[in-house]
PDB file of all heavy atoms in Angstrom:
ATOM      1  N   ASP A   1      -0.754  14.696   5.223  1.00  0.00           N
ATOM      2  CA  ASP A   1      -0.484  15.472   4.024  1.00  0.00           C
ATOM      3  C   ASP A   1      -0.786  14.776   2.779  1.00  0.00           C
ATOM      4  O   ASP A   1      -0.103  14.812   1.731  1.00  0.00           O
ATOM      5  CB  ASP A   1       1.008  16.020   4.104  1.00  0.00           C
ATOM      6  CG  ASP A   1       1.232  16.848   5.232  1.00  0.00           C
ATOM      7  OD1 ASP A   1       0.359  17.565   5.616  1.00  0.00           O
ATOM      8  OD2 ASP A   1       2.366  16.892   5.767  1.00  0.00           O
ATOM      9  N   GLY A   2      -1.879  13.846   2.775  1.00  0.00           N
ATOM     10  CA  GLY A   2      -2.212  13.180   1.564  1.00  0.00           C
ATOM     11  C   GLY A   2      -1.464  11.926   1.253  1.00  0.00           C
ATOM     12  O   GLY A   2      -1.748  11.190   0.327  1.00  0.00           O
ATOM     13  N   GLU A   3      -0.503  11.534   2.059  1.00  0.00           N
ATOM     14  CA  GLU A   3       0.328  10.361   1.869  1.00  0.00           C
ATOM     15  C   GLU A   3       0.204   9.394   2.972  1.00  0.00           C
ATOM     16  O   GLU A   3       0.193   9.768   4.167  1.00  0.00           O
ATOM     17  CB  GLU A   3       1.779  10.720   1.680  1.00  0.00           C
ATOM     18  CG  GLU A   3       1.997  11.488   0.374  1.00  0.00           C
ATOM     19  CD  GLU A   3       3.431  11.627   0.023  1.00  0.00           C
ATOM     20  OE1 GLU A   3       4.307  10.975   0.675  1.00  0.00           O
ATOM     21  OE2 GLU A   3       3.853  12.397  -0.802  1.00  0.00           O
ATOM     22  N   ALA A   4       0.134   8.041   2.703  1.00  0.00           N
ATOM     23  CA  ALA A   4       0.056   7.104   3.689  1.00  0.00           C
ATOM     24  C   ALA A   4       1.481   6.953   4.386  1.00  0.00           C
ATOM     25  O   ALA A   4       2.453   6.965   3.769  1.00  0.00           O
ATOM     26  CB  ALA A   4      -0.294   5.690   3.029  1.00  0.00           C
ATOM     27  N   LEU A   5       1.407   6.908   5.738  1.00  0.00           N
ATOM     28  CA  LEU A   5       2.712   6.759   6.479  1.00  0.00           C
ATOM     29  C   LEU A   5       3.191   5.288   6.369  1.00  0.00           C
ATOM     30  O   LEU A   5       2.381   4.435   6.409  1.00  0.00           O
ATOM     31  CB  LEU A   5       2.473   7.155   7.904  1.00  0.00           C
ATOM     32  CG  LEU A   5       2.043   8.613   8.211  1.00  0.00           C
ATOM     33  CD1 LEU A   5       2.055   8.877   9.749  1.00  0.00           C
ATOM     34  CD2 LEU A   5       2.912   9.512   7.439  1.00  0.00           C
ATOM     35  N   THR A   6       4.492   5.068   6.253  1.00  0.00           N
ATOM     36  CA  THR A   6       5.047   3.793   6.252  1.00  0.00           C
ATOM     37  C   THR A   6       5.979   3.607   7.488  1.00  0.00           C
ATOM     38  O   THR A   6       6.393   4.573   8.003  1.00  0.00           O
ATOM     39  CB  THR A   6       5.903   3.562   4.958  1.00  0.00           C
ATOM     40  OG1 THR A   6       6.852   4.509   4.831  1.00  0.00           O
ATOM     41  CG2 THR A   6       4.927   3.633   3.743  1.00  0.00           C
ATOM     42  N   THR A   7       6.205   2.335   7.779  1.00  0.00           N
ATOM     43  CA  THR A   7       7.106   2.017   8.803  1.00  0.00           C
ATOM     44  C   THR A   7       7.895   0.807   8.387  1.00  0.00           C
ATOM     45  O   THR A   7       7.617  -0.011   7.519  1.00  0.00           O
ATOM     46  CB  THR A   7       6.299   1.767  10.080  1.00  0.00           C
ATOM     47  OG1 THR A   7       7.218   1.396  11.205  1.00  0.00           O
ATOM     48  CG2 THR A   7       5.338   0.564   9.899  1.00  0.00           C
ATOM     49  N   THR A   8       9.059   0.631   9.164  1.00  0.00           N
ATOM     50  CA  THR A   8       9.892  -0.584   9.044  1.00  0.00           C
ATOM     51  C   THR A   8       9.955  -1.362  10.346  1.00  0.00           C
ATOM     52  O   THR A   8      10.859  -2.206  10.500  1.00  0.00           O
ATOM     53  CB  THR A   8      11.362  -0.239   8.530  1.00  0.00           C
ATOM     54  OG1 THR A   8      11.951   0.570   9.555  1.00  0.00           O
ATOM     55  CG2 THR A   8      11.310   0.343   7.162  1.00  0.00           C
ATOM     56  N   GLU A   9       9.021  -1.158  11.266  1.00  0.00           N
ATOM     57  CA  GLU A   9       9.030  -1.693  12.548  1.00  0.00           C
ATOM     58  C   GLU A   9       7.844  -2.629  12.700  1.00  0.00           C
ATOM     59  O   GLU A   9       7.317  -2.744  13.821  1.00  0.00           O
ATOM     60  CB  GLU A   9       9.008  -0.557  13.549  1.00  0.00           C
ATOM     61  CG  GLU A   9      10.228   0.360  13.517  1.00  0.00           C
ATOM     62  CD  GLU A   9      11.464  -0.266  13.688  1.00  0.00           C
ATOM     63  OE1 GLU A   9      11.588  -1.302  14.530  1.00  0.00           O
ATOM     64  OE2 GLU A   9      12.494   0.204  13.151  1.00  0.00           O
ATOM     65  N   SER A  10       7.286  -3.196  11.729  1.00  0.00           N
ATOM     66  CA  SER A  10       6.128  -4.057  11.740  1.00  0.00           C
ATOM     67  C   SER A  10       6.383  -5.458  12.394  1.00  0.00           C
ATOM     68  O   SER A  10       7.456  -6.081  12.144  1.00  0.00           O
ATOM     69  CB  SER A  10       5.446  -4.205  10.473  1.00  0.00           C
ATOM     70  OG  SER A  10       5.046  -3.004   9.900  1.00  0.00           O
ATOM     71  N   VAL A  11       5.421  -5.892  13.126  1.00  0.00           N
ATOM     72  CA  VAL A  11       5.407  -7.263  13.607  1.00  0.00           C
ATOM     73  C   VAL A  11       4.109  -7.899  13.127  1.00  0.00           C
ATOM     74  O   VAL A  11       2.984  -7.457  13.442  1.00  0.00           O
ATOM     75  CB  VAL A  11       5.506  -7.374  15.132  1.00  0.00           C
ATOM     76  CG1 VAL A  11       5.521  -8.862  15.567  1.00  0.00           C
ATOM     77  CG2 VAL A  11       6.774  -6.703  15.577  1.00  0.00           C
ATOM     78  N   VAL A  12       4.221  -8.958  12.254  1.00  0.00           N
ATOM     79  CA  VAL A  12       3.039  -9.704  11.746  1.00  0.00           C
ATOM     80  C   VAL A  12       2.968 -11.095  12.323  1.00  0.00           C
ATOM     81  O   VAL A  12       3.857 -11.899  12.067  1.00  0.00           O
ATOM     82  CB  VAL A  12       3.110  -9.708  10.231  1.00  0.00           C
ATOM     83  CG1 VAL A  12       1.847 -10.274   9.576  1.00  0.00           C
ATOM     84  CG2 VAL A  12       3.271  -8.209   9.676  1.00  0.00           C
ATOM     85  N   ALA A  13       1.920 -11.392  12.997  1.00  0.00           N
ATOM     86  CA  ALA A  13       1.680 -12.707  13.539  1.00  0.00           C
ATOM     87  C   ALA A  13       2.913 -13.106  14.415  1.00  0.00           C
ATOM     88  O   ALA A  13       3.291 -14.258  14.463  1.00  0.00           O
ATOM     89  CB  ALA A  13       1.459 -13.770  12.417  1.00  0.00           C
ATOM     90  N   GLY A  14       3.362 -12.104  15.116  1.00  0.00           N
ATOM     91  CA  GLY A  14       4.536 -12.299  16.098  1.00  0.00           C
ATOM     92  C   GLY A  14       5.845 -12.327  15.394  1.00  0.00           C
ATOM     93  O   GLY A  14       6.905 -12.672  16.055  1.00  0.00           O
ATOM     94  N   VAL A  15       5.928 -12.054  14.099  1.00  0.00           N
ATOM     95  CA  VAL A  15       7.166 -12.289  13.361  1.00  0.00           C
ATOM     96  C   VAL A  15       7.640 -10.796  12.976  1.00  0.00           C
ATOM     97  O   VAL A  15       6.923 -10.084  12.120  1.00  0.00           O
ATOM     98  CB  VAL A  15       7.052 -13.074  12.093  1.00  0.00           C
ATOM     99  CG1 VAL A  15       8.390 -13.108  11.301  1.00  0.00           C
ATOM    100  CG2 VAL A  15       6.556 -14.502  12.406  1.00  0.00           C
ATOM    101  N   PRO A  16       8.795 -10.264  13.396  1.00  0.00           N
ATOM    102  CA  PRO A  16       9.216  -8.962  13.013  1.00  0.00           C
ATOM    103  C   PRO A  16       9.707  -8.978  11.577  1.00  0.00           C
ATOM    104  O   PRO A  16      10.410  -9.869  11.100  1.00  0.00           O
ATOM    105  CB  PRO A  16      10.505  -8.805  13.897  1.00  0.00           C
ATOM    106  CG  PRO A  16      10.352  -9.654  15.041  1.00  0.00           C
ATOM    107  CD  PRO A  16       9.626 -10.858  14.527  1.00  0.00           C
ATOM    108  N   ILE A  17       9.130  -8.104  10.782  1.00  0.00           N
ATOM    109  CA  ILE A  17       9.446  -7.917   9.344  1.00  0.00           C
ATOM    110  C   ILE A  17       9.832  -6.524   9.126  1.00  0.00           C
ATOM    111  O   ILE A  17       9.063  -5.594   9.088  1.00  0.00           O
ATOM    112  CB  ILE A  17       8.169  -8.331   8.466  1.00  0.00           C
ATOM    113  CG1 ILE A  17       7.914  -9.789   8.722  1.00  0.00           C
ATOM    114  CG2 ILE A  17       8.646  -8.133   7.012  1.00  0.00           C
ATOM    115  CD1 ILE A  17       6.854 -10.326   7.884  1.00  0.00           C
ATOM    116  N   LYS A  18      11.172  -6.375   8.951  1.00  0.00           N
ATOM    117  CA  LYS A  18      11.734  -4.887   8.838  1.00  0.00           C
ATOM    118  C   LYS A  18      11.839  -4.450   7.389  1.00  0.00           C
ATOM    119  O   LYS A  18      12.877  -4.051   6.971  1.00  0.00           O
ATOM    120  CB  LYS A  18      13.160  -4.951   9.553  1.00  0.00           C
ATOM    121  CG  LYS A  18      13.524  -3.545   9.979  1.00  0.00           C
ATOM    122  CD  LYS A  18      14.921  -3.618  10.660  1.00  0.00           C
ATOM    123  CE  LYS A  18      15.326  -2.352  11.372  1.00  0.00           C
ATOM    124  NZ  LYS A  18      15.074  -1.142  10.609  1.00  0.00           N
ATOM    125  N   LEU A  19      10.720  -4.366   6.737  1.00  0.00           N
ATOM    126  CA  LEU A  19      10.525  -3.959   5.372  1.00  0.00           C
ATOM    127  C   LEU A  19       9.568  -2.770   5.333  1.00  0.00           C
ATOM    128  O   LEU A  19       8.786  -2.678   6.281  1.00  0.00           O
ATOM    129  CB  LEU A  19      10.225  -5.036   4.426  1.00  0.00           C
ATOM    130  CG  LEU A  19      11.160  -6.193   4.211  1.00  0.00           C
ATOM    131  CD1 LEU A  19      10.496  -7.307   3.493  1.00  0.00           C
ATOM    132  CD2 LEU A  19      12.379  -5.785   3.565  1.00  0.00           C
ATOM    133  N   PRO A  20       9.708  -1.889   4.341  1.00  0.00           N
ATOM    134  CA  PRO A  20       8.728  -0.736   4.382  1.00  0.00           C
ATOM    135  C   PRO A  20       7.309  -1.349   4.143  1.00  0.00           C
ATOM    136  O   PRO A  20       7.005  -2.076   3.292  1.00  0.00           O
ATOM    137  CB  PRO A  20       9.242   0.021   3.098  1.00  0.00           C
ATOM    138  CG  PRO A  20      10.583  -0.319   2.819  1.00  0.00           C
ATOM    139  CD  PRO A  20      10.760  -1.825   3.398  1.00  0.00           C
ATOM    140  N   MET A  21       6.387  -0.827   5.050  1.00  0.00           N
ATOM    141  CA  MET A  21       5.089  -1.238   5.067  1.00  0.00           C
ATOM    142  C   MET A  21       4.218  -0.057   5.360  1.00  0.00           C
ATOM    143  O   MET A  21       4.656   0.802   6.170  1.00  0.00           O
ATOM    144  CB  MET A  21       4.710  -2.360   6.033  1.00  0.00           C
ATOM    145  CG  MET A  21       5.473  -3.644   5.873  1.00  0.00           C
ATOM    146  SD  MET A  21       4.851  -4.847   7.042  1.00  0.00           S
ATOM    147  CE  MET A  21       6.028  -6.263   6.615  1.00  0.00           C
ATOM    148  N   VAL A  22       3.054  -0.036   4.912  1.00  0.00           N
ATOM    149  CA  VAL A  22       2.016   1.061   5.421  1.00  0.00           C
ATOM    150  C   VAL A  22       1.881   0.813   6.792  1.00  0.00           C
ATOM    151  O   VAL A  22       1.826  -0.300   7.284  1.00  0.00           O
ATOM    152  CB  VAL A  22       0.722   0.970   4.590  1.00  0.00           C
ATOM    153  CG1 VAL A  22       0.897   1.375   3.124  1.00  0.00           C
ATOM    154  CG2 VAL A  22       0.125  -0.432   4.652  1.00  0.00           C
ATOM    155  N   ASP A  23       1.685   1.922   7.611  1.00  0.00           N
ATOM    156  CA  ASP A  23       1.620   1.831   9.063  1.00  0.00           C
ATOM    157  C   ASP A  23       0.252   1.451   9.488  1.00  0.00           C
ATOM    158  O   ASP A  23      -0.475   2.257   9.807  1.00  0.00           O
ATOM    159  CB  ASP A  23       2.087   3.278   9.607  1.00  0.00           C
ATOM    160  CG  ASP A  23       2.343   3.147  11.165  1.00  0.00           C
ATOM    161  OD1 ASP A  23       2.351   1.995  11.686  1.00  0.00           O
ATOM    162  OD2 ASP A  23       2.500   4.152  11.679  1.00  0.00           O
ATOM    163  N   VAL A  24       0.077   0.228   9.234  1.00  0.00           N
ATOM    164  CA  VAL A  24      -1.346  -0.421   9.548  1.00  0.00           C
ATOM    165  C   VAL A  24      -1.376  -1.139  10.920  1.00  0.00           C
ATOM    166  O   VAL A  24      -0.382  -1.868  11.250  1.00  0.00           O
ATOM    167  CB  VAL A  24      -1.825  -1.314   8.470  1.00  0.00           C
ATOM    168  CG1 VAL A  24      -3.046  -2.064   8.810  1.00  0.00           C
ATOM    169  CG2 VAL A  24      -2.138  -0.609   7.160  1.00  0.00           C
ATOM    170  N   HIS A  25      -2.364  -0.872  11.720  1.00  0.00           N
ATOM    171  CA  HIS A  25      -2.623  -1.683  12.894  1.00  0.00           C
ATOM    172  C   HIS A  25      -3.894  -2.492  12.688  1.00  0.00           C
ATOM    173  O   HIS A  25      -4.920  -1.895  12.439  1.00  0.00           O
ATOM    174  CB  HIS A  25      -2.621  -0.834  14.151  1.00  0.00           C
ATOM    175  CG  HIS A  25      -2.700  -1.537  15.465  1.00  0.00           C
ATOM    176  ND1 HIS A  25      -1.706  -2.205  15.985  1.00  0.00           N
ATOM    177  CD2 HIS A  25      -3.802  -1.848  16.315  1.00  0.00           C
ATOM    178  CE1 HIS A  25      -1.946  -2.774  17.087  1.00  0.00           C
ATOM    179  NE2 HIS A  25      -3.294  -2.672  17.317  1.00  0.00           N
ATOM    180  N   THR A  26      -3.809  -3.779  12.989  1.00  0.00           N
ATOM    181  CA  THR A  26      -4.872  -4.656  12.773  1.00  0.00           C
ATOM    182  C   THR A  26      -5.432  -5.223  14.079  1.00  0.00           C
ATOM    183  O   THR A  26      -4.655  -5.614  14.893  1.00  0.00           O
ATOM    184  CB  THR A  26      -4.596  -5.819  11.815  1.00  0.00           C
ATOM    185  OG1 THR A  26      -4.119  -5.227  10.616  1.00  0.00           O
ATOM    186  CG2 THR A  26      -5.721  -6.737  11.499  1.00  0.00           C
ATOM    187  N   VAL A  27      -6.792  -5.247  14.179  1.00  0.00           N
ATOM    188  CA  VAL A  27      -7.387  -5.929  15.298  1.00  0.00           C
ATOM    189  C   VAL A  27      -8.507  -6.885  14.773  1.00  0.00           C
ATOM    190  O   VAL A  27      -9.000  -6.725  13.753  1.00  0.00           O
ATOM    191  CB  VAL A  27      -8.077  -4.933  16.261  1.00  0.00           C
ATOM    192  CG1 VAL A  27      -7.031  -4.012  16.995  1.00  0.00           C
ATOM    193  CG2 VAL A  27      -9.093  -4.013  15.629  1.00  0.00           C
ATOM    194  N   SER A  28      -8.712  -7.883  15.614  1.00  0.00           N
ATOM    195  CA  SER A  28      -9.619  -8.966  15.167  1.00  0.00           C
ATOM    196  C   SER A  28     -11.047  -8.599  15.569  1.00  0.00           C
ATOM    197  O   SER A  28     -11.775  -9.043  16.326  1.00  0.00           O
ATOM    198  CB  SER A  28      -9.277 -10.300  15.879  1.00  0.00           C
ATOM    199  OG  SER A  28      -9.274 -10.034  17.270  1.00  0.00           O
ATOM    200  N   ALA A  29     -11.577  -7.517  14.718  1.00  0.00           N
ATOM    201  CA  ALA A  29     -12.907  -7.024  14.944  1.00  0.00           C
ATOM    202  C   ALA A  29     -13.573  -6.802  13.647  1.00  0.00           C
ATOM    203  O   ALA A  29     -13.638  -5.656  13.190  1.00  0.00           O
ATOM    204  CB  ALA A  29     -12.943  -5.742  15.817  1.00  0.00           C
ATOM    205  N   GLY A  30     -13.849  -7.837  12.907  1.00  0.00           N
ATOM    206  CA  GLY A  30     -14.441  -7.801  11.529  1.00  0.00           C
ATOM    207  C   GLY A  30     -15.963  -8.122  11.682  1.00  0.00           C
ATOM    208  O   GLY A  30     -16.411  -8.614  12.752  1.00  0.00           O
ATOM    209  N   GLY A  31     -16.617  -8.098  10.548  1.00  0.00           N
ATOM    210  CA  GLY A  31     -18.005  -8.484  10.523  1.00  0.00           C
ATOM    211  C   GLY A  31     -18.171  -9.886  10.911  1.00  0.00           C
ATOM    212  O   GLY A  31     -19.260 -10.333  11.542  1.00  0.00           O
ATOM    213  N   GLY A  32     -17.251 -10.720  10.578  1.00  0.00           N
ATOM    214  CA  GLY A  32     -17.306 -12.175  10.862  1.00  0.00           C
ATOM    215  C   GLY A  32     -16.704 -12.619  12.155  1.00  0.00           C
ATOM    216  O   GLY A  32     -16.685 -13.802  12.543  1.00  0.00           O
ATOM    217  N   SER A  33     -16.163 -11.694  12.958  1.00  0.00           N
ATOM    218  CA  SER A  33     -15.570 -11.950  14.172  1.00  0.00           C
ATOM    219  C   SER A  33     -16.593 -12.629  15.257  1.00  0.00           C
ATOM    220  O   SER A  33     -17.704 -12.018  15.340  1.00  0.00           O
ATOM    221  CB  SER A  33     -14.939 -10.705  14.883  1.00  0.00           C
ATOM    222  OG  SER A  33     -13.840 -10.316  14.135  1.00  0.00           O
ATOM    223  N   VAL A  34     -16.277 -13.626  15.809  1.00  0.00           N
ATOM    224  CA  VAL A  34     -17.137 -14.507  16.621  1.00  0.00           C
ATOM    225  C   VAL A  34     -17.270 -13.933  18.046  1.00  0.00           C
ATOM    226  O   VAL A  34     -16.221 -13.584  18.625  1.00  0.00           O
ATOM    227  CB  VAL A  34     -16.781 -15.955  16.663  1.00  0.00           C
ATOM    228  CG1 VAL A  34     -17.623 -16.782  17.682  1.00  0.00           C
ATOM    229  CG2 VAL A  34     -16.861 -16.596  15.292  1.00  0.00           C
TER     230      VAL A  34
END
């Protein structure tokens, strides 16, 4: 509905961070990924 979804259940680099964050999922598949 035109708005980015947020979550408070994120784990970044193995560290749970329970703050409002955009609901982003990251994978190591970039242009420079070896």
